[in-house]
PDB file of N, CA and C in Angstrom:
ATOM      1  N   MET A   1      18.764   5.925  -2.173  1.00  0.00           N
ATOM      2  CA  MET A   1      18.318   5.017  -1.127  1.00  0.00           C
ATOM      3  C   MET A   1      16.895   4.550  -1.429  1.00  0.00           C
ATOM      4  N   ALA A   2      16.670   3.271  -1.355  1.00  0.00           N
ATOM      5  CA  ALA A   2      15.365   2.696  -1.654  1.00  0.00           C
ATOM      6  C   ALA A   2      14.346   3.091  -0.590  1.00  0.00           C
ATOM      7  N   ASN A   3      13.105   3.111  -0.992  1.00  0.00           N
ATOM      8  CA  ASN A   3      12.007   3.411  -0.083  1.00  0.00           C
ATOM      9  C   ASN A   3      11.946   2.310   0.977  1.00  0.00           C
ATOM     10  N   GLN A   4      12.046   2.684   2.236  1.00  0.00           N
ATOM     11  CA  GLN A   4      12.115   1.728   3.340  1.00  0.00           C
ATOM     12  C   GLN A   4      10.756   1.563   4.036  1.00  0.00           C
ATOM     13  N   TYR A   5      10.588   0.411   4.647  1.00  0.00           N
ATOM     14  CA  TYR A   5       9.409   0.136   5.468  1.00  0.00           C
ATOM     15  C   TYR A   5       9.671   0.720   6.851  1.00  0.00           C
ATOM     16  N   ASN A   6       9.343   1.986   7.051  1.00  0.00           N
ATOM     17  CA  ASN A   6       9.663   2.643   8.312  1.00  0.00           C
ATOM     18  C   ASN A   6       8.513   3.470   8.884  1.00  0.00           C
ATOM     19  N   LYS A   7       7.315   3.348   8.319  1.00  0.00           N
ATOM     20  CA  LYS A   7       6.177   4.132   8.794  1.00  0.00           C
ATOM     21  C   LYS A   7       5.179   3.235   9.521  1.00  0.00           C
ATOM     22  N   SER A   8       4.584   3.775  10.557  1.00  0.00           N
ATOM     23  CA  SER A   8       3.527   3.038  11.262  1.00  0.00           C
ATOM     24  C   SER A   8       2.254   3.058  10.419  1.00  0.00           C
ATOM     25  N   PHE A   9       1.304   2.252  10.806  1.00  0.00           N
ATOM     26  CA  PHE A   9       0.023   2.218  10.099  1.00  0.00           C
ATOM     27  C   PHE A   9      -0.649   3.585  10.150  1.00  0.00           C
ATOM     28  N   THR A  10      -0.615   4.220  11.301  1.00  0.00           N
ATOM     29  CA  THR A  10      -1.235   5.546  11.456  1.00  0.00           C
ATOM     30  C   THR A  10      -0.547   6.585  10.576  1.00  0.00           C
ATOM     31  N   GLU A  11       0.781   6.601  10.583  1.00  0.00           N
ATOM     32  CA  GLU A  11       1.521   7.541   9.728  1.00  0.00           C
ATOM     33  C   GLU A  11       1.191   7.306   8.255  1.00  0.00           C
ATOM     34  N   THR A  12       1.077   6.044   7.885  1.00  0.00           N
ATOM     35  CA  THR A  12       0.763   5.686   6.500  1.00  0.00           C
ATOM     36  C   THR A  12      -0.619   6.191   6.107  1.00  0.00           C
ATOM     37  N   LEU A  13      -1.609   5.958   6.961  1.00  0.00           N
ATOM     38  CA  LEU A  13      -2.962   6.443   6.660  1.00  0.00           C
ATOM     39  C   LEU A  13      -2.990   7.966   6.547  1.00  0.00           C
ATOM     40  N   GLU A  14      -2.263   8.650   7.417  1.00  0.00           N
ATOM     41  CA  GLU A  14      -2.209  10.109   7.353  1.00  0.00           C
ATOM     42  C   GLU A  14      -1.645  10.582   6.020  1.00  0.00           C
ATOM     43  N   GLU A  15      -0.601   9.916   5.525  1.00  0.00           N
ATOM     44  CA  GLU A  15      -0.022  10.287   4.233  1.00  0.00           C
ATOM     45  C   GLU A  15      -0.994  10.017   3.089  1.00  0.00           C
ATOM     46  N   LEU A  16      -1.699   8.894   3.152  1.00  0.00           N
ATOM     47  CA  LEU A  16      -2.666   8.572   2.093  1.00  0.00           C
ATOM     48  C   LEU A  16      -3.847   9.537   2.100  1.00  0.00           C
ATOM     49  N   VAL A  17      -4.365   9.836   3.275  1.00  0.00           N
ATOM     50  CA  VAL A  17      -5.523  10.736   3.387  1.00  0.00           C
ATOM     51  C   VAL A  17      -5.159  12.152   2.950  1.00  0.00           C
ATOM     52  N   SER A  18      -3.975  12.611   3.315  1.00  0.00           N
ATOM     53  CA  SER A  18      -3.566  13.983   2.996  1.00  0.00           C
ATOM     54  C   SER A  18      -3.166  14.157   1.532  1.00  0.00           C
ATOM     55  N   GLY A  19      -2.922  13.053   0.833  1.00  0.00           N
ATOM     56  CA  GLY A  19      -2.474  13.134  -0.551  1.00  0.00           C
ATOM     57  C   GLY A  19      -0.959  13.229  -0.695  1.00  0.00           C
ATOM     58  N   LYS A  20      -0.249  13.170   0.422  1.00  0.00           N
ATOM     59  CA  LYS A  20       1.218  13.192   0.368  1.00  0.00           C
ATOM     60  C   LYS A  20       1.742  11.959  -0.366  1.00  0.00           C
ATOM     61  N   ALA A  21       1.029  10.852  -0.254  1.00  0.00           N
ATOM     62  CA  ALA A  21       1.351   9.615  -0.974  1.00  0.00           C
ATOM     63  C   ALA A  21       0.058   9.045  -1.538  1.00  0.00           C
ATOM     64  N   GLY A  22       0.181   8.279  -2.601  1.00  0.00           N
ATOM     65  CA  GLY A  22      -0.995   7.678  -3.218  1.00  0.00           C
ATOM     66  C   GLY A  22      -1.198   6.220  -2.871  1.00  0.00           C
ATOM     67  N   PHE A  23      -0.083   5.558  -2.490  1.00  0.00           N
ATOM     68  CA  PHE A  23      -0.119   4.121  -2.271  1.00  0.00           C
ATOM     69  C   PHE A  23       0.779   3.747  -1.097  1.00  0.00           C
ATOM     70  N   ALA A  24       0.531   2.557  -0.538  1.00  0.00           N
ATOM     71  CA  ALA A  24       1.359   2.063   0.565  1.00  0.00           C
ATOM     72  C   ALA A  24       1.447   0.550   0.477  1.00  0.00           C
ATOM     73  N   GLN A  25       2.571   0.035   0.968  1.00  0.00           N
ATOM     74  CA  GLN A  25       2.767  -1.408   0.999  1.00  0.00           C
ATOM     75  C   GLN A  25       3.358  -1.787   2.353  1.00  0.00           C
ATOM     76  N   GLY A  26       2.805  -2.834   2.954  1.00  0.00           N
ATOM     77  CA  GLY A  26       3.290  -3.320   4.234  1.00  0.00           C
ATOM     78  C   GLY A  26       4.465  -4.260   4.068  1.00  0.00           C
ATOM     79  N   GLU A  27       5.307  -4.310   5.071  1.00  0.00           N
ATOM     80  CA  GLU A  27       6.511  -5.141   4.993  1.00  0.00           C
ATOM     81  C   GLU A  27       6.188  -6.625   4.869  1.00  0.00           C
ATOM     82  N   TYR A  28       5.012  -7.062   5.287  1.00  0.00           N
ATOM     83  CA  TYR A  28       4.647  -8.473   5.194  1.00  0.00           C
ATOM     84  C   TYR A  28       3.636  -8.755   4.094  1.00  0.00           C
ATOM     85  N   PHE A  29       3.350  -7.773   3.250  1.00  0.00           N
ATOM     86  CA  PHE A  29       2.447  -7.993   2.124  1.00  0.00           C
ATOM     87  C   PHE A  29       3.131  -8.909   1.106  1.00  0.00           C
ATOM     88  N   GLU A  30       2.337  -9.702   0.415  1.00  0.00           N
ATOM     89  CA  GLU A  30       2.871 -10.466  -0.702  1.00  0.00           C
ATOM     90  C   GLU A  30       3.273  -9.486  -1.793  1.00  0.00           C
ATOM     91  N   LYS A  31       4.240  -9.869  -2.613  1.00  0.00           N
ATOM     92  CA  LYS A  31       4.660  -9.015  -3.722  1.00  0.00           C
ATOM     93  C   LYS A  31       3.449  -8.698  -4.596  1.00  0.00           C
ATOM     94  N   GLY A  32       3.349  -7.442  -4.988  1.00  0.00           N
ATOM     95  CA  GLY A  32       2.256  -7.019  -5.859  1.00  0.00           C
ATOM     96  C   GLY A  32       1.034  -6.486  -5.137  1.00  0.00           C
ATOM     97  N   LEU A  33       0.954  -6.645  -3.814  1.00  0.00           N
ATOM     98  CA  LEU A  33      -0.191  -6.136  -3.052  1.00  0.00           C
ATOM     99  C   LEU A  33       0.154  -4.784  -2.443  1.00  0.00           C
ATOM    100  N   TYR A  34      -0.808  -3.876  -2.464  1.00  0.00           N
ATOM    101  CA  TYR A  34      -0.610  -2.554  -1.864  1.00  0.00           C
ATOM    102  C   TYR A  34      -1.954  -1.949  -1.497  1.00  0.00           C
ATOM    103  N   LEU A  35      -1.918  -0.863  -0.742  1.00  0.00           N
ATOM    104  CA  LEU A  35      -3.116  -0.161  -0.294  1.00  0.00           C
ATOM    105  C   LEU A  35      -3.287   1.159  -1.031  1.00  0.00           C
ATOM    106  N   GLU A  36      -4.540   1.535  -1.240  1.00  0.00           N
ATOM    107  CA  GLU A  36      -4.872   2.860  -1.747  1.00  0.00           C
ATOM    108  C   GLU A  36      -6.311   3.166  -1.367  1.00  0.00           C
ATOM    109  N   PHE A  37      -6.664   4.440  -1.346  1.00  0.00           N
ATOM    110  CA  PHE A  37      -8.055   4.825  -1.163  1.00  0.00           C
ATOM    111  C   PHE A  37      -8.705   4.924  -2.527  1.00  0.00           C
ATOM    112  N   ASP A  38      -9.927   4.391  -2.662  1.00  0.00           N
ATOM    113  CA  ASP A  38     -10.633   4.533  -3.934  1.00  0.00           C
ATOM    114  C   ASP A  38     -11.291   5.910  -4.014  1.00  0.00           C
ATOM    115  N   LYS A  39     -11.993   6.172  -5.102  1.00  0.00           N
ATOM    116  CA  LYS A  39     -12.585   7.492  -5.324  1.00  0.00           C
ATOM    117  C   LYS A  39     -13.657   7.850  -4.305  1.00  0.00           C
ATOM    118  N   THR A  40     -14.229   6.831  -3.650  1.00  0.00           N
ATOM    119  CA  THR A  40     -15.259   7.099  -2.651  1.00  0.00           C
ATOM    120  C   THR A  40     -14.685   7.209  -1.242  1.00  0.00           C
ATOM    121  N   GLY A  41     -13.356   7.039  -1.108  1.00  0.00           N
ATOM    122  CA  GLY A  41     -12.711   7.170   0.190  1.00  0.00           C
ATOM    123  C   GLY A  41     -12.616   5.893   0.990  1.00  0.00           C
ATOM    124  N   VAL A  42     -12.807   4.743   0.350  1.00  0.00           N
ATOM    125  CA  VAL A  42     -12.710   3.457   1.030  1.00  0.00           C
ATOM    126  C   VAL A  42     -11.304   2.892   0.823  1.00  0.00           C
ATOM    127  N   LEU A  43     -10.677   2.434   1.909  1.00  0.00           N
ATOM    128  CA  LEU A  43      -9.355   1.848   1.825  1.00  0.00           C
ATOM    129  C   LEU A  43      -9.437   0.516   1.098  1.00  0.00           C
ATOM    130  N   GLN A  44      -8.639   0.382   0.046  1.00  0.00           N
ATOM    131  CA  GLN A  44      -8.661  -0.806  -0.797  1.00  0.00           C
ATOM    132  C   GLN A  44      -7.331  -1.546  -0.722  1.00  0.00           C
ATOM    133  N   LEU A  45      -7.394  -2.872  -0.745  1.00  0.00           N
ATOM    134  CA  LEU A  45      -6.221  -3.715  -0.931  1.00  0.00           C
ATOM    135  C   LEU A  45      -6.202  -4.071  -2.405  1.00  0.00           C
ATOM    136  N   VAL A  46      -5.137  -3.718  -3.082  1.00  0.00           N
ATOM    137  CA  VAL A  46      -5.048  -3.888  -4.526  1.00  0.00           C
ATOM    138  C   VAL A  46      -4.042  -4.980  -4.850  1.00  0.00           C
ATOM    139  N   ASN A  47      -4.431  -5.883  -5.750  1.00  0.00           N
ATOM    140  CA  ASN A  47      -3.546  -6.920  -6.241  1.00  0.00           C
ATOM    141  C   ASN A  47      -3.070  -6.487  -7.622  1.00  0.00           C
ATOM    142  N   GLY A  48      -1.811  -6.106  -7.727  1.00  0.00           N
ATOM    143  CA  GLY A  48      -1.259  -5.629  -8.983  1.00  0.00           C
ATOM    144  C   GLY A  48      -0.485  -6.674  -9.747  1.00  0.00           C
ATOM    145  N   ARG A  49      -0.647  -7.946  -9.417  1.00  0.00           N
ATOM    146  CA  ARG A  49       0.130  -9.005 -10.057  1.00  0.00           C
ATOM    147  C   ARG A  49      -0.369  -9.364 -11.446  1.00  0.00           C
ATOM    148  N   GLY A  50      -1.629  -9.206 -11.715  1.00  0.00           N
ATOM    149  CA  GLY A  50      -2.169  -9.600 -13.013  1.00  0.00           C
ATOM    150  C   GLY A  50      -2.177  -8.459 -14.017  1.00  0.00           C
ATOM    151  N   THR A  51      -2.874  -8.676 -15.125  1.00  0.00           N
ATOM    152  CA  THR A  51      -2.951  -7.633 -16.153  1.00  0.00           C
ATOM    153  C   THR A  51      -3.921  -6.529 -15.761  1.00  0.00           C
ATOM    154  N   SER A  52      -4.848  -6.833 -14.871  1.00  0.00           N
ATOM    155  CA  SER A  52      -5.747  -5.797 -14.357  1.00  0.00           C
ATOM    156  C   SER A  52      -5.619  -5.764 -12.833  1.00  0.00           C
ATOM    157  N   ARG A  53      -5.890  -4.625 -12.269  1.00  0.00           N
ATOM    158  CA  ARG A  53      -5.783  -4.456 -10.824  1.00  0.00           C
ATOM    159  C   ARG A  53      -7.068  -4.950 -10.157  1.00  0.00           C
ATOM    160  N   GLU A  54      -6.946  -5.971  -9.318  1.00  0.00           N
ATOM    161  CA  GLU A  54      -8.100  -6.465  -8.568  1.00  0.00           C
ATOM    162  C   GLU A  54      -8.132  -5.753  -7.232  1.00  0.00           C
ATOM    163  N   ARG A  55      -9.296  -5.214  -6.867  1.00  0.00           N
ATOM    164  CA  ARG A  55      -9.433  -4.448  -5.635  1.00  0.00           C
ATOM    165  C   ARG A  55     -10.477  -5.084  -4.725  1.00  0.00           C
ATOM    166  N   GLU A  56     -10.203  -4.984  -3.425  1.00  0.00           N
ATOM    167  CA  GLU A  56     -11.194  -5.386  -2.426  1.00  0.00           C
ATOM    168  C   GLU A  56     -11.045  -4.458  -1.233  1.00  0.00           C
ATOM    169  N   ASN A  57     -12.110  -4.310  -0.476  1.00  0.00           N
ATOM    170  CA  ASN A  57     -12.032  -3.473   0.716  1.00  0.00           C
ATOM    171  C   ASN A  57     -10.999  -4.060   1.668  1.00  0.00           C
ATOM    172  N   ALA A  58     -10.131  -3.221   2.190  1.00  0.00           N
ATOM    173  CA  ALA A  58      -9.096  -3.672   3.120  1.00  0.00           C
ATOM    174  C   ALA A  58      -9.728  -3.964   4.470  1.00  0.00           C
ATOM    175  N   ILE A  59      -9.319  -5.045   5.067  1.00  0.00           N
ATOM    176  CA  ILE A  59      -9.770  -5.407   6.409  1.00  0.00           C
ATOM    177  C   ILE A  59      -8.641  -5.053   7.368  1.00  0.00           C
ATOM    178  N   ILE A  60      -8.941  -4.173   8.297  1.00  0.00           N
ATOM    179  CA  ILE A  60      -7.910  -3.731   9.237  1.00  0.00           C
ATOM    180  C   ILE A  60      -7.849  -4.733  10.386  1.00  0.00           C
ATOM    181  N   SER A  61      -6.722  -5.416  10.451  1.00  0.00           N
ATOM    182  CA  SER A  61      -6.508  -6.449  11.464  1.00  0.00           C
ATOM    183  C   SER A  61      -5.305  -6.067  12.326  1.00  0.00           C
ATOM    184  N   LYS A  62      -5.063  -6.844  13.354  1.00  0.00           N
ATOM    185  CA  LYS A  62      -3.900  -6.603  14.210  1.00  0.00           C
ATOM    186  C   LYS A  62      -2.613  -6.658  13.381  1.00  0.00           C
ATOM    187  N   GLY A  63      -2.534  -7.599  12.456  1.00  0.00           N
ATOM    188  CA  GLY A  63      -1.368  -7.709  11.592  1.00  0.00           C
ATOM    189  C   GLY A  63      -1.162  -6.483  10.723  1.00  0.00           C
ATOM    190  N   MET A  64      -2.255  -5.888  10.243  1.00  0.00           N
ATOM    191  CA  MET A  64      -2.144  -4.671   9.435  1.00  0.00           C
ATOM    192  C   MET A  64      -1.629  -3.512  10.277  1.00  0.00           C
ATOM    193  N   VAL A  65      -2.094  -3.411  11.500  1.00  0.00           N
ATOM    194  CA  VAL A  65      -1.761  -2.280  12.357  1.00  0.00           C
ATOM    195  C   VAL A  65      -0.336  -2.367  12.899  1.00  0.00           C
ATOM    196  N   THR A  66       0.178  -3.566  13.118  1.00  0.00           N
ATOM    197  CA  THR A  66       1.476  -3.703  13.779  1.00  0.00           C
ATOM    198  C   THR A  66       2.678  -3.732  12.831  1.00  0.00           C
ATOM    199  N   GLN A  67       2.472  -3.943  11.545  1.00  0.00           N
ATOM    200  CA  GLN A  67       3.625  -3.961  10.645  1.00  0.00           C
ATOM    201  C   GLN A  67       4.021  -2.558  10.205  1.00  0.00           C
ATOM    202  N   LYS A  68       5.189  -2.428   9.614  1.00  0.00           N
ATOM    203  CA  LYS A  68       5.692  -1.152   9.099  1.00  0.00           C
ATOM    204  C   LYS A  68       5.356  -1.046   7.613  1.00  0.00           C
ATOM    205  N   TYR A  69       5.284   0.178   7.125  1.00  0.00           N
ATOM    206  CA  TYR A  69       4.875   0.445   5.748  1.00  0.00           C
ATOM    207  C   TYR A  69       5.840   1.365   5.040  1.00  0.00           C
ATOM    208  N   LYS A  70       5.799   1.297   3.720  1.00  0.00           N
ATOM    209  CA  LYS A  70       6.433   2.296   2.868  1.00  0.00           C
ATOM    210  C   LYS A  70       5.324   2.925   2.040  1.00  0.00           C
ATOM    211  N   THR A  71       5.488   4.187   1.701  1.00  0.00           N
ATOM    212  CA  THR A  71       4.509   4.880   0.870  1.00  0.00           C
ATOM    213  C   THR A  71       5.183   5.326  -0.417  1.00  0.00           C
ATOM    214  N   PHE A  72       4.382   5.516  -1.455  1.00  0.00           N
ATOM    215  CA  PHE A  72       4.905   5.920  -2.754  1.00  0.00           C
ATOM    216  C   PHE A  72       3.787   6.540  -3.588  1.00  0.00           C
ATOM    217  N   ASN A  73       4.152   7.178  -4.687  1.00  0.00           N
ATOM    218  CA  ASN A  73       3.171   7.866  -5.535  1.00  0.00           C
ATOM    219  C   ASN A  73       2.917   7.195  -6.871  1.00  0.00           C
ATOM    220  N   VAL A  74       3.754   6.258  -7.255  1.00  0.00           N
ATOM    221  CA  VAL A  74       3.559   5.523  -8.510  1.00  0.00           C
ATOM    222  C   VAL A  74       3.617   4.036  -8.196  1.00  0.00           C
ATOM    223  N   ALA A  75       2.542   3.323  -8.489  1.00  0.00           N
ATOM    224  CA  ALA A  75       2.479   1.889  -8.193  1.00  0.00           C
ATOM    225  C   ALA A  75       2.960   1.090  -9.400  1.00  0.00           C
ATOM    226  N   ASN A  76       4.251   1.214  -9.713  1.00  0.00           N
ATOM    227  CA  ASN A  76       4.805   0.448 -10.829  1.00  0.00           C
ATOM    228  C   ASN A  76       5.324  -0.899 -10.330  1.00  0.00           C
ATOM    229  N   LYS A  77       5.709  -1.772 -11.263  1.00  0.00           N
ATOM    230  CA  LYS A  77       6.133  -3.127 -10.892  1.00  0.00           C
ATOM    231  C   LYS A  77       7.322  -3.135  -9.943  1.00  0.00           C
ATOM    232  N   GLN A  78       8.239  -2.230 -10.128  1.00  0.00           N
ATOM    233  CA  GLN A  78       9.403  -2.190  -9.245  1.00  0.00           C
ATOM    234  C   GLN A  78       8.996  -1.802  -7.830  1.00  0.00           C
ATOM    235  N   GLU A  79       8.156  -0.781  -7.702  1.00  0.00           N
ATOM    236  CA  GLU A  79       7.755  -0.291  -6.378  1.00  0.00           C
ATOM    237  C   GLU A  79       6.930  -1.310  -5.604  1.00  0.00           C
ATOM    238  N   ILE A  80       6.103  -2.106  -6.300  1.00  0.00           N
ATOM    239  CA  ILE A  80       5.250  -3.067  -5.596  1.00  0.00           C
ATOM    240  C   ILE A  80       5.895  -4.457  -5.482  1.00  0.00           C
ATOM    241  N   GLY A  81       7.185  -4.538  -5.838  1.00  0.00           N
ATOM    242  CA  GLY A  81       7.946  -5.751  -5.597  1.00  0.00           C
ATOM    243  C   GLY A  81       7.892  -6.802  -6.674  1.00  0.00           C
ATOM    244  N   LEU A  82       7.435  -6.466  -7.862  1.00  0.00           N
ATOM    245  CA  LEU A  82       7.350  -7.457  -8.930  1.00  0.00           C
ATOM    246  C   LEU A  82       8.542  -7.432  -9.867  1.00  0.00           C
ATOM    247  N   LYS A  83       9.429  -6.468  -9.663  1.00  0.00           N
ATOM    248  CA  LYS A  83      10.611  -6.341 -10.519  1.00  0.00           C
ATOM    249  C   LYS A  83      11.741  -5.757  -9.681  1.00  0.00           C
ATOM    250  N   ASP A  84      12.950  -6.306  -9.839  1.00  0.00           N
ATOM    251  CA  ASP A  84      14.098  -5.808  -9.078  1.00  0.00           C
ATOM    252  C   ASP A  84      14.634  -4.516  -9.636  1.00  0.00           C
TER     253      ASP A  84
END
């Protein structure tokens, strides 16, 4: 069974902070975008579409909080939606 978008924003953050998961993607994110905490503990929005990962600080908005998420431990092309 494929990883489903069934976690709330709070549940997702808890998994990322605890180390249970390394990455998360929202159901309305563009393909290739996902969340992770950087080494300093700042939540980052990562663009994995190019040859290098572009990172920026995530802005927590109403849209971020209200959508559902999936979490995962390997941010490969299939998991982030760039490959079927």
